[in-house]
C-alpha atoms as a PDB file:
ATOM      1  CA  MET A   1      41.841 -45.116  -8.659  1.00  0.00           C
ATOM      2  CA  THR A   2      40.090 -42.595  -6.646  1.00  0.00           C
ATOM      3  CA  ILE A   3      37.795 -39.625  -6.512  1.00  0.00           C
ATOM      4  CA  CYS A   4      37.881 -36.257  -5.677  1.00  0.00           C
ATOM      5  CA  ILE A   5      35.226 -33.364  -5.980  1.00  0.00           C
ATOM      6  CA  ALA A   6      34.640 -29.806  -5.863  1.00  0.00           C
ATOM      7  CA  ALA A   7      31.964 -27.735  -6.364  1.00  0.00           C
ATOM      8  CA  MET A   8      30.990 -24.029  -6.134  1.00  0.00           C
ATOM      9  CA  CYS A   9      27.988 -22.618  -4.056  1.00  0.00           C
ATOM     10  CA  GLN A  10      26.795 -19.631  -1.622  1.00  0.00           C
ATOM     11  CA  GLN A  11      26.307 -19.910   1.969  1.00  0.00           C
ATOM     12  CA  ASP A  12      22.445 -19.347   1.573  1.00  0.00           C
ATOM     13  CA  GLU A  13      19.567 -17.051  -0.020  1.00  0.00           C
ATOM     14  CA  ASP A  14      20.398 -14.601   2.277  1.00  0.00           C
ATOM     15  CA  ASN A  15      24.211 -14.659   2.106  1.00  0.00           C
ATOM     16  CA  ASP A  16      25.343 -14.947  -1.439  1.00  0.00           C
ATOM     17  CA  GLU A  17      29.133 -15.229  -0.318  1.00  0.00           C
ATOM     18  CA  PRO A  18      30.875 -17.886  -2.316  1.00  0.00           C
ATOM     19  CA  ARG A  19      31.943 -21.396  -0.778  1.00  0.00           C
ATOM     20  CA  ILE A  20      33.952 -24.286  -2.405  1.00  0.00           C
ATOM     21  CA  VAL A  21      32.800 -27.721  -0.987  1.00  0.00           C
ATOM     22  CA  LEU A  22      35.507 -30.473  -1.321  1.00  0.00           C
ATOM     23  CA  CYS A  23      35.283 -34.064  -1.095  1.00  0.00           C
ATOM     24  CA  TYR A  24      37.828 -37.052  -1.770  1.00  0.00           C
ATOM     25  CA  ASP A  25      38.326 -40.756  -0.574  1.00  0.00           C
ATOM     26  CA  TRP A  26      41.482 -41.788   1.212  1.00  0.00           C
ATOM     27  CA  LYS A  27      41.956 -44.961  -0.750  1.00  0.00           C
ATOM     28  CA  ALA A  28      45.609 -45.313  -1.664  1.00  0.00           C
ATOM     29  CA  GLU A  29      46.108 -48.443  -4.268  1.00  0.00           C
ATOM     30  CA  GLN A  30      49.572 -50.102  -5.289  1.00  0.00           C
ATOM     31  CA  GLU A  31      50.376 -53.158  -7.051  1.00  0.00           C
ATOM     32  CA  TYR A  32      50.343 -55.612  -4.286  1.00  0.00           C
ATOM     33  CA  GLY A  33      47.751 -54.006  -2.253  1.00  0.00           C
ATOM     34  CA  GLY A  34      45.643 -50.595  -0.698  1.00  0.00           C
ATOM     35  CA  SER A  35      44.402 -49.324   2.387  1.00  0.00           C
ATOM     36  CA  GLU A  36      42.428 -45.898   3.328  1.00  0.00           C
ATOM     37  CA  THR A  37      45.473 -43.825   4.357  1.00  0.00           C
ATOM     38  CA  SER A  38      46.137 -41.070   1.138  1.00  0.00           C
ATOM     39  CA  ASN A  39      45.294 -37.283   1.726  1.00  0.00           C
ATOM     40  CA  LYS A  40      44.777 -36.335  -1.385  1.00  0.00           C
ATOM     41  CA  MET A  41      44.326 -32.774  -0.606  1.00  0.00           C
ATOM     42  CA  ARG A  42      47.454 -30.143  -0.453  1.00  0.00           C
ATOM     43  CA  ASP A  43      47.217 -26.429   0.370  1.00  0.00           C
ATOM     44  CA  LEU A  44      48.489 -23.927  -1.722  1.00  0.00           C
ATOM     45  CA  PRO A  45      49.639 -20.133  -1.393  1.00  0.00           C
ATOM     46  CA  ASN A  46      47.184 -17.324  -1.837  1.00  0.00           C
ATOM     47  CA  ASN A  47      43.938 -19.035  -1.326  1.00  0.00           C
ATOM     48  CA  TRP A  48      43.992 -22.117  -3.200  1.00  0.00           C
ATOM     49  CA  VAL A  49      43.626 -26.058  -2.641  1.00  0.00           C
ATOM     50  CA  ALA A  50      44.909 -28.893  -4.782  1.00  0.00           C
ATOM     51  CA  LEU A  51      43.247 -32.325  -5.106  1.00  0.00           C
ATOM     52  CA  MET A  52      45.147 -35.193  -6.571  1.00  0.00           C
ATOM     53  CA  ALA A  53      44.375 -38.339  -8.881  1.00  0.00           C
ATOM     54  CA  GLY A  54      46.664 -40.824 -10.815  1.00  0.00           C
ATOM     55  CA  ASP A  55      49.797 -41.469 -10.128  1.00  0.00           C
ATOM     56  CA  MET A  56      50.812 -39.866  -6.724  1.00  0.00           C
ATOM     57  CA  PRO A  57      54.539 -38.978  -7.120  1.00  0.00           C
ATOM     58  CA  ARG A  58      53.628 -37.268 -10.335  1.00  0.00           C
ATOM     59  CA  ALA A  59      50.915 -35.729  -8.865  1.00  0.00           C
ATOM     60  CA  GLU A  60      53.066 -34.351  -6.013  1.00  0.00           C
ATOM     61  CA  GLU A  61      55.509 -32.999  -8.281  1.00  0.00           C
ATOM     62  CA  LEU A  62      52.970 -31.236 -10.285  1.00  0.00           C
ATOM     63  CA  VAL A  63      51.354 -29.817  -7.141  1.00  0.00           C
ATOM     64  CA  ALA A  64      54.993 -28.524  -6.364  1.00  0.00           C
ATOM     65  CA  GLN A  65      54.981 -26.545  -9.663  1.00  0.00           C
ATOM     66  CA  TYR A  66      51.796 -24.702  -8.847  1.00  0.00           C
ATOM     67  CA  GLU A  67      52.872 -24.342  -5.269  1.00  0.00           C
ATOM     68  CA  THR A  68      55.749 -22.780  -6.685  1.00  0.00           C
ATOM     69  CA  HIS A  69      54.067 -20.248  -9.168  1.00  0.00           C
ATOM     70  CA  LEU A  70      50.939 -19.292  -6.556  1.00  0.00           C
ATOM     71  CA  ARG A  71      53.525 -18.258  -4.238  1.00  0.00           C
ATOM     72  CA  SER A  72      54.770 -15.344  -6.618  1.00  0.00           C
ATOM     73  CA  PHE A  73      51.741 -15.001  -8.463  1.00  0.00           C
ATOM     74  CA  LYS A  74      48.988 -12.208  -6.566  1.00  0.00           C
ATOM     75  CA  GLU A  75      46.779 -11.121  -8.686  1.00  0.00           C
ATOM     76  CA  ALA A  76      45.078 -11.219 -12.147  1.00  0.00           C
ATOM     77  CA  ILE A  77      44.118  -8.501 -14.127  1.00  0.00           C
ATOM     78  CA  ASP A  78      40.729 -10.418 -15.733  1.00  0.00           C
ATOM     79  CA  ASP A  79      40.077 -13.986 -15.940  1.00  0.00           C
ATOM     80  CA  ALA A  80      42.264 -14.490 -19.581  1.00  0.00           C
ATOM     81  CA  GLU A  81      45.376 -13.399 -17.457  1.00  0.00           C
ATOM     82  CA  LEU A  82      44.256 -15.860 -14.635  1.00  0.00           C
ATOM     83  CA  PHE A  83      43.442 -18.721 -17.114  1.00  0.00           C
ATOM     84  CA  ALA A  84      47.135 -18.091 -18.806  1.00  0.00           C
ATOM     85  CA  GLU A  85      48.746 -17.988 -15.504  1.00  0.00           C
ATOM     86  CA  MET A  86      47.348 -21.253 -14.153  1.00  0.00           C
ATOM     87  CA  LYS A  87      48.534 -22.906 -17.297  1.00  0.00           C
ATOM     88  CA  LYS A  88      52.239 -22.284 -16.688  1.00  0.00           C
ATOM     89  CA  PRO A  89      52.833 -24.618 -14.025  1.00  0.00           C
ATOM     90  CA  ALA A  90      51.316 -27.266 -16.376  1.00  0.00           C
ATOM     91  CA  ARG A  91      53.665 -26.558 -19.053  1.00  0.00           C
ATOM     92  CA  LYS A  92      56.798 -26.190 -16.984  1.00  0.00           C
ATOM     93  CA  GLN A  93      56.050 -29.721 -15.780  1.00  0.00           C
ATOM     94  CA  LYS A  94      55.714 -31.290 -19.125  1.00  0.00           C
ATOM     95  CA  GLU A  95      59.134 -29.273 -20.047  1.00  0.00           C
ATOM     96  CA  ASN A  96      60.755 -30.889 -17.262  1.00  0.00           C
ATOM     97  CA  LEU A  97      59.375 -34.213 -18.266  1.00  0.00           C
ATOM     98  CA  ALA A  98      60.743 -34.124 -21.667  1.00  0.00           C
ATOM     99  CA  THR A  99      64.207 -32.781 -20.676  1.00  0.00           C
ATOM    100  CA  ASP A 100      64.573 -35.776 -18.007  1.00  0.00           C
ATOM    101  CA  TYR A 101      63.705 -38.357 -20.488  1.00  0.00           C
ATOM    102  CA  ILE A 102      66.097 -37.091 -23.065  1.00  0.00           C
ATOM    103  CA  TRP A 103      68.869 -36.916 -20.360  1.00  0.00           C
ATOM    104  CA  GLN A 104      67.748 -40.696 -19.406  1.00  0.00           C
ATOM    105  CA  THR A 105      67.936 -41.896 -22.727  1.00  0.00           C
ATOM    106  CA  MET A 106      70.842 -39.974 -24.633  1.00  0.00           C
ATOM    107  CA  GLY A 107      72.622 -38.271 -22.162  1.00  0.00           C
ATOM    108  CA  VAL A 108      72.386 -34.718 -23.347  1.00  0.00           C
ATOM    109  CA  SER A 109      69.635 -31.818 -22.556  1.00  0.00           C
ATOM    110  CA  TYR A 110      66.374 -31.306 -24.638  1.00  0.00           C
ATOM    111  CA  ALA A 111      68.415 -28.129 -25.906  1.00  0.00           C
ATOM    112  CA  ASP A 112      71.396 -29.654 -27.282  1.00  0.00           C
ATOM    113  CA  LEU A 113      69.311 -32.737 -28.734  1.00  0.00           C
ATOM    114  CA  VAL A 114      67.466 -30.183 -31.208  1.00  0.00           C
ATOM    115  CA  SER A 115      70.535 -27.468 -31.526  1.00  0.00           C
ATOM    116  CA  PRO A 116      71.830 -27.562 -35.089  1.00  0.00           C
ATOM    117  CA  ASP A 117      75.650 -27.089 -33.745  1.00  0.00           C
ATOM    118  CA  LYS A 118      75.488 -30.484 -32.221  1.00  0.00           C
ATOM    119  CA  LYS A 119      74.536 -32.030 -35.527  1.00  0.00           C
ATOM    120  CA  PHE A 120      72.710 -35.204 -34.158  1.00  0.00           C
ATOM    121  CA  PRO A 121      71.678 -37.700 -36.973  1.00  0.00           C
ATOM    122  CA  GLU A 122      68.363 -36.259 -38.073  1.00  0.00           C
ATOM    123  CA  ALA A 123      66.731 -39.489 -37.689  1.00  0.00           C
ATOM    124  CA  ILE A 124      67.421 -39.750 -34.528  1.00  0.00           C
ATOM    125  CA  VAL A 125      66.190 -36.580 -33.487  1.00  0.00           C
ATOM    126  CA  GLU A 126      63.261 -37.023 -35.432  1.00  0.00           C
ATOM    127  CA  GLN A 127      62.923 -40.665 -33.193  1.00  0.00           C
ATOM    128  CA  ARG A 128      63.363 -38.881 -29.873  1.00  0.00           C
ATOM    129  CA  LEU A 129      60.890 -35.877 -30.507  1.00  0.00           C
ATOM    130  CA  ASN A 130      58.101 -38.452 -31.639  1.00  0.00           C
ATOM    131  CA  GLU A 131      58.780 -39.895 -28.075  1.00  0.00           C
ATOM    132  CA  VAL A 132      58.525 -36.614 -26.448  1.00  0.00           C
ATOM    133  CA  THR A 133      55.211 -36.088 -28.069  1.00  0.00           C
ATOM    134  CA  GLN A 134      54.142 -38.861 -26.001  1.00  0.00           C
ATOM    135  CA  ILE A 135      55.070 -38.338 -22.411  1.00  0.00           C
ATOM    136  CA  LYS A 136      51.795 -37.584 -20.226  1.00  0.00           C
ATOM    137  CA  LEU A 137      51.566 -35.941 -16.760  1.00  0.00           C
ATOM    138  CA  ARG A 138      50.509 -39.290 -15.637  1.00  0.00           C
ATOM    139  CA  ALA A 139      48.679 -37.069 -12.596  1.00  0.00           C
ATOM    140  CA  THR A 140      45.452 -35.408 -12.652  1.00  0.00           C
ATOM    141  CA  LEU A 141      44.609 -32.176 -10.323  1.00  0.00           C
ATOM    142  CA  ILE A 142      41.595 -30.040  -9.107  1.00  0.00           C
ATOM    143  CA  LEU A 143      42.707 -27.024  -8.403  1.00  0.00           C
ATOM    144  CA  ALA A 144      40.105 -24.726  -6.421  1.00  0.00           C
ATOM    145  CA  GLY A 145      40.050 -21.190  -4.945  1.00  0.00           C
ATOM    146  CA  PHE A 146      39.497 -17.808  -4.857  1.00  0.00           C
ATOM    147  CA  ALA A 147      41.037 -14.891  -6.801  1.00  0.00           C
ATOM    148  CA  ALA A 148      40.221 -11.141  -7.125  1.00  0.00           C
ATOM    149  CA  THR A 149      40.402  -9.311 -10.397  1.00  0.00           C
ATOM    150  CA  ASN A 150      39.185  -5.856 -11.999  1.00  0.00           C
ATOM    151  CA  GLN A 151      36.688  -7.336 -14.554  1.00  0.00           C
ATOM    152  CA  GLY A 152      33.278  -6.214 -14.540  1.00  0.00           C
ATOM    153  CA  GLU A 153      30.300  -5.557 -11.678  1.00  0.00           C
ATOM    154  CA  GLU A 154      32.485  -7.963  -9.323  1.00  0.00           C
ATOM    155  CA  MET A 155      35.593  -5.921  -9.752  1.00  0.00           C
ATOM    156  CA  ARG A 156      37.832  -6.866  -6.692  1.00  0.00           C
ATOM    157  CA  LYS A 157      35.591  -9.419  -4.929  1.00  0.00           C
ATOM    158  CA  ARG A 158      37.327 -12.722  -4.408  1.00  0.00           C
ATOM    159  CA  LEU A 159      35.148 -15.118  -6.697  1.00  0.00           C
ATOM    160  CA  PRO A 160      35.829 -18.951  -6.924  1.00  0.00           C
ATOM    161  CA  TYR A 161      37.623 -20.647  -9.412  1.00  0.00           C
ATOM    162  CA  ILE A 162      37.872 -24.332 -10.204  1.00  0.00           C
ATOM    163  CA  PHE A 163      40.615 -25.903 -12.661  1.00  0.00           C
ATOM    164  CA  ILE A 164      41.043 -29.396 -13.922  1.00  0.00           C
ATOM    165  CA  VAL A 165      44.548 -30.042 -15.141  1.00  0.00           C
ATOM    166  CA  ASP A 166      44.306 -33.605 -16.966  1.00  0.00           C
ATOM    167  CA  ASP A 167      46.190 -34.694 -20.478  1.00  0.00           C
ATOM    168  CA  GLN A 168      45.013 -38.119 -20.079  1.00  0.00           C
ATOM    169  CA  ASP A 169      42.968 -38.157 -23.444  1.00  0.00           C
ATOM    170  CA  SER A 170      44.907 -35.445 -25.143  1.00  0.00           C
ATOM    171  CA  HIS A 171      47.192 -32.574 -25.234  1.00  0.00           C
ATOM    172  CA  GLN A 172      44.839 -30.085 -25.732  1.00  0.00           C
ATOM    173  CA  ASP A 173      42.803 -28.078 -23.087  1.00  0.00           C
ATOM    174  CA  VAL A 174      45.436 -29.450 -20.452  1.00  0.00           C
ATOM    175  CA  VAL A 175      44.530 -26.818 -17.999  1.00  0.00           C
ATOM    176  CA  ARG A 176      40.662 -25.856 -18.282  1.00  0.00           C
ATOM    177  CA  PRO A 177      38.482 -23.719 -16.089  1.00  0.00           C
ATOM    178  CA  GLU A 178      35.270 -25.740 -14.900  1.00  0.00           C
ATOM    179  CA  GLU A 179      31.585 -24.050 -14.341  1.00  0.00           C
ATOM    180  CA  ASN A 180      30.133 -25.026 -11.072  1.00  0.00           C
ATOM    181  CA  PHE A 181      31.919 -28.438 -10.142  1.00  0.00           C
ATOM    182  CA  ALA A 182      34.365 -30.828 -11.093  1.00  0.00           C
ATOM    183  CA  ALA A 183      35.204 -34.555 -10.517  1.00  0.00           C
ATOM    184  CA  ILE A 184      38.637 -36.257 -11.211  1.00  0.00           C
ATOM    185  CA  GLY A 185      39.703 -40.129 -10.998  1.00  0.00           C
ATOM    186  CA  ASN A 186      37.840 -43.173 -11.758  1.00  0.00           C
ATOM    187  CA  GLY A 187      34.908 -42.422  -9.737  1.00  0.00           C
ATOM    188  CA  SER A 188      34.199 -39.504 -11.478  1.00  0.00           C
ATOM    189  CA  TYR A 189      32.276 -41.235 -14.639  1.00  0.00           C
ATOM    190  CA  VAL A 190      29.538 -41.778 -11.520  1.00  0.00           C
ATOM    191  CA  ALA A 191      29.917 -38.602  -9.724  1.00  0.00           C
ATOM    192  CA  ILE A 192      29.810 -36.320 -12.530  1.00  0.00           C
ATOM    193  CA  PRO A 193      26.662 -37.432 -13.759  1.00  0.00           C
ATOM    194  CA  ALA A 194      25.054 -37.712 -10.148  1.00  0.00           C
ATOM    195  CA  LEU A 195      25.969 -34.003  -9.740  1.00  0.00           C
ATOM    196  CA  HIS A 196      24.091 -33.044 -13.171  1.00  0.00           C
ATOM    197  CA  GLN A 197      20.972 -35.053 -11.827  1.00  0.00           C
ATOM    198  CA  ARG A 198      21.148 -32.339  -9.063  1.00  0.00           C
ATOM    199  CA  GLU A 199      21.681 -29.710 -11.256  1.00  0.00           C
ATOM    200  CA  GLN A 200      24.749 -28.595  -8.658  1.00  0.00           C
ATOM    201  CA  GLN A 201      24.734 -25.173  -9.517  1.00  0.00           C
ATOM    202  CA  ASP A 202      27.402 -22.229  -7.870  1.00  0.00           C
ATOM    203  CA  ASP A 203      24.282 -20.286  -6.730  1.00  0.00           C
ATOM    204  CA  MET A 204      22.744 -23.420  -4.608  1.00  0.00           C
ATOM    205  CA  PRO A 205      22.797 -23.088  -0.989  1.00  0.00           C
ATOM    206  CA  LEU A 206      25.727 -24.860   0.975  1.00  0.00           C
ATOM    207  CA  MET A 207      23.959 -27.376   2.450  1.00  0.00           C
ATOM    208  CA  GLN A 208      22.537 -28.580  -0.364  1.00  0.00           C
ATOM    209  CA  THR A 209      25.440 -28.539  -2.139  1.00  0.00           C
ATOM    210  CA  ILE A 210      27.155 -30.760   0.364  1.00  0.00           C
ATOM    211  CA  TYR A 211      24.630 -33.039   0.268  1.00  0.00           C
ATOM    212  CA  ASN A 212      24.847 -33.405  -3.645  1.00  0.00           C
ATOM    213  CA  VAL A 213      28.705 -33.661  -3.260  1.00  0.00           C
ATOM    214  CA  MET A 214      28.168 -36.369  -0.505  1.00  0.00           C
ATOM    215  CA  GLU A 215      25.564 -38.093  -2.639  1.00  0.00           C
ATOM    216  CA  ALA A 216      27.899 -38.107  -5.478  1.00  0.00           C
ATOM    217  CA  LYS A 217      31.143 -39.618  -3.606  1.00  0.00           C
ATOM    218  CA  ARG A 218      28.882 -42.328  -2.263  1.00  0.00           C
ATOM    219  CA  LEU A 219      27.048 -43.780  -5.436  1.00  0.00           C
ATOM    220  CA  SER A 220      30.785 -43.523  -6.926  1.00  0.00           C
ATOM    221  CA  GLN A 221      31.756 -46.251  -4.667  1.00  0.00           C
ATOM    222  CA  VAL A 222      30.413 -48.478  -6.779  1.00  0.00           C
ATOM    223  CA  VAL A 223      33.480 -48.029  -8.696  1.00  0.00           C
ATOM    224  CA  PRO A 224      36.719 -50.392  -7.982  1.00  0.00           C
ATOM    225  CA  GLY A 225      39.654 -48.344  -6.674  1.00  0.00           C
ATOM    226  CA  VAL A 226      37.132 -45.728  -4.716  1.00  0.00           C
ATOM    227  CA  GLY A 227      37.595 -46.403  -1.090  1.00  0.00           C
ATOM    228  CA  GLU A 228      34.528 -45.761   1.529  1.00  0.00           C
ATOM    229  CA  ALA A 229      36.861 -43.473   3.958  1.00  0.00           C
ATOM    230  CA  THR A 230      35.755 -39.974   3.200  1.00  0.00           C
ATOM    231  CA  GLU A 231      36.907 -36.221   3.828  1.00  0.00           C
ATOM    232  CA  LEU A 232      34.628 -33.310   3.254  1.00  0.00           C
ATOM    233  CA  ASP A 233      35.887 -29.931   3.358  1.00  0.00           C
ATOM    234  CA  VAL A 234      34.728 -26.417   3.034  1.00  0.00           C
ATOM    235  CA  LEU A 235      36.784 -23.470   1.323  1.00  0.00           C
ATOM    236  CA  TYR A 236      36.221 -19.843   2.102  1.00  0.00           C
ATOM    237  CA  PRO A 237      36.966 -16.710   0.336  1.00  0.00           C
ATOM    238  CA  ASP A 238      39.633 -15.675   3.193  1.00  0.00           C
ATOM    239  CA  GLY A 239      41.603 -19.160   2.583  1.00  0.00           C
ATOM    240  CA  ARG A 240      39.647 -20.617   5.822  1.00  0.00           C
ATOM    241  CA  LEU A 241      39.095 -24.491   5.846  1.00  0.00           C
ATOM    242  CA  MET A 242      36.422 -26.259   7.662  1.00  0.00           C
ATOM    243  CA  ARG A 243      35.863 -29.727   7.941  1.00  0.00           C
ATOM    244  CA  TRP A 244      32.525 -31.625   8.370  1.00  0.00           C
ATOM    245  CA  SER A 245      31.915 -32.010  12.228  1.00  0.00           C
ATOM    246  CA  GLU A 246      30.413 -35.637  13.594  1.00  0.00           C
ATOM    247  CA  VAL A 247      26.504 -33.963  13.795  1.00  0.00           C
ATOM    248  CA  LEU A 248      27.164 -33.141  10.005  1.00  0.00           C
ATOM    249  CA  TYR A 249      28.210 -36.616   9.071  1.00  0.00           C
ATOM    250  CA  GLU A 250      25.421 -37.979  11.053  1.00  0.00           C
ATOM    251  CA  ARG A 251      22.829 -35.804   9.265  1.00  0.00           C
ATOM    252  CA  LEU A 252      24.099 -36.543   5.864  1.00  0.00           C
ATOM    253  CA  GLY A 253      23.665 -40.077   6.839  1.00  0.00           C
ATOM    254  CA  LYS A 254      19.804 -39.530   7.464  1.00  0.00           C
ATOM    255  CA  LEU A 255      19.727 -37.408   4.518  1.00  0.00           C
ATOM    256  CA  PHE A 256      20.971 -40.155   2.200  1.00  0.00           C
ATOM    257  CA  LYS A 257      18.899 -42.793   3.682  1.00  0.00           C
ATOM    258  CA  LYS A 258      15.424 -40.769   3.144  1.00  0.00           C
ATOM    259  CA  LEU A 259      16.507 -39.073  -0.417  1.00  0.00           C
ATOM    260  CA  GLY A 260      18.994 -41.800  -1.671  1.00  0.00           C
ATOM    261  CA  PRO A 261      18.878 -41.053  -5.497  1.00  0.00           C
ATOM    262  CA  THR A 262      15.386 -39.243  -5.242  1.00  0.00           C
ATOM    263  CA  LEU A 263      15.412 -36.191  -7.580  1.00  0.00           C
ATOM    264  CA  GLU A 264      11.902 -34.582  -7.457  1.00  0.00           C
ATOM    265  CA  LEU A 265      12.195 -32.202  -4.293  1.00  0.00           C
ATOM    266  CA  SER A 266       9.482 -29.420  -3.626  1.00  0.00           C
ATOM    267  CA  GLU A 267      11.357 -25.770  -2.852  1.00  0.00           C
ATOM    268  CA  LYS A 268       9.504 -26.288   1.001  1.00  0.00           C
ATOM    269  CA  GLN A 269      11.127 -30.105   1.386  1.00  0.00           C
ATOM    270  CA  SER A 270      14.812 -28.580   0.133  1.00  0.00           C
ATOM    271  CA  GLN A 271      14.290 -25.731   2.772  1.00  0.00           C
ATOM    272  CA  GLU A 272      13.766 -28.311   5.667  1.00  0.00           C
ATOM    273  CA  LEU A 273      16.095 -31.043   4.470  1.00  0.00           C
ATOM    274  CA  PHE A 274      18.946 -28.500   3.745  1.00  0.00           C
ATOM    275  CA  ALA A 275      18.647 -26.004   6.491  1.00  0.00           C
ATOM    276  CA  PHE A 276      22.298 -25.303   7.626  1.00  0.00           C
ATOM    277  CA  LYS A 277      23.618 -25.129  11.102  1.00  0.00           C
ATOM    278  CA  ASP A 278      26.971 -23.640  12.256  1.00  0.00           C
ATOM    279  CA  GLU A 279      27.698 -26.807  14.144  1.00  0.00           C
ATOM    280  CA  TYR A 280      27.958 -28.628  11.191  1.00  0.00           C
ATOM    281  CA  LEU A 281      31.563 -27.478  10.258  1.00  0.00           C
ATOM    282  CA  LEU A 282      34.514 -27.201  12.344  1.00  0.00           C
ATOM    283  CA  PRO A 283      38.189 -25.560  11.584  1.00  0.00           C
ATOM    284  CA  ILE A 284      40.222 -27.708  10.088  1.00  0.00           C
ATOM    285  CA  ASP A 285      42.609 -27.971  13.026  1.00  0.00           C
ATOM    286  CA  ALA A 286      39.942 -28.311  15.630  1.00  0.00           C
ATOM    287  CA  GLU A 287      39.850 -31.357  17.993  1.00  0.00           C
ATOM    288  CA  GLU A 288      36.713 -33.238  18.198  1.00  0.00           C
ATOM    289  CA  PRO A 289      36.039 -36.836  20.217  1.00  0.00           C
ATOM    290  CA  PRO A 290      34.723 -38.961  17.359  1.00  0.00           C
ATOM    291  CA  LYS A 291      31.643 -41.026  17.715  1.00  0.00           C
ATOM    292  CA  ASN A 292      33.512 -43.736  15.033  1.00  0.00           C
ATOM    293  CA  ALA A 293      36.509 -45.056  14.512  1.00  0.00           C
ATOM    294  CA  SER A 294      38.147 -42.053  12.386  1.00  0.00           C
ATOM    295  CA  LEU A 295      37.217 -38.632  11.243  1.00  0.00           C
ATOM    296  CA  LYS A 296      37.917 -40.225   7.574  1.00  0.00           C
ATOM    297  CA  ARG A 297      34.112 -40.983   7.929  1.00  0.00           C
ATOM    298  CA  SER A 298      33.068 -43.893   5.789  1.00  0.00           C
ATOM    299  CA  THR A 299      29.867 -42.713   3.854  1.00  0.00           C
ATOM    300  CA  SER A 300      28.822 -46.325   3.567  1.00  0.00           C
ATOM    301  CA  GLN A 301      27.937 -46.275   7.328  1.00  0.00           C
ATOM    302  CA  THR A 302      23.732 -45.586   7.799  1.00  0.00           C
ATOM    303  CA  PRO A 303      22.457 -43.747  11.244  1.00  0.00           C
ATOM    304  CA  LYS A 304      21.859 -46.425  13.932  1.00  0.00           C
ATOM    305  CA  PRO A 305      17.631 -47.166  14.319  1.00  0.00           C
ATOM    306  CA  GLY A 306      16.359 -44.635  16.141  1.00  0.00           C
ATOM    307  CA  GLN A 307      18.845 -41.960  14.721  1.00  0.00           C
END
């Protein structure tokens, strides 16, 4: 029960260096209640981050697999190698889940179960293998980061990548690359159409992308389980993370009040409304006296009259 969004963009028309905008709610829910207390982003090695949805303990286990793998995997020759490498941690987690299940149900390893030397009854082996095929990750991730390859004209330039790790619907394409943006969690059914309506693309300016992502997150709050408290960060090619400032928070509130889901904007309107200022972003560990109760800002708040 959540919403996590990642969107590629560039700084502006004069600076095409890529950025990735990250946004998520803080809602945590359990059987007997919920609270706005769950940080759903994890830093990973080599300029990658993960956003988590689904069963959070399972998500943490899956993130740990990626953390271990990315610590040793430095570079890829091309996209094909990068895509193949990003699938390995999910496969390892599936293998671990299958092994754990066989140990819990039979007290033997998966290798022993399928070994012809152990001579388990064929019916038992077939039953357990059928059960293993039904095991799901029960967690969904967005993996966002920058990688350099030897591929094409962009040789050795750090390019943005977004992957989704998800096997809820099937066991095919469990790890898949996404173009332009990605969203996970039950709020994604609202956020994804909203981003498509804004025609979010990787060559869109940073400020406009920040607004598009915030708007999609805010609209997704109509979905039960999506919280109001919001985190919005920007990931840079060198691995820096910048979080939104109070100034940007207030600016986005004014923009949403003015635009809402309005779709038709002229080029001049876009340039005026989405002019980016350095004060909009702060280093991730910077301290800022908040005007509101928390830096986990609620996107449901509207500016006070006269602001």
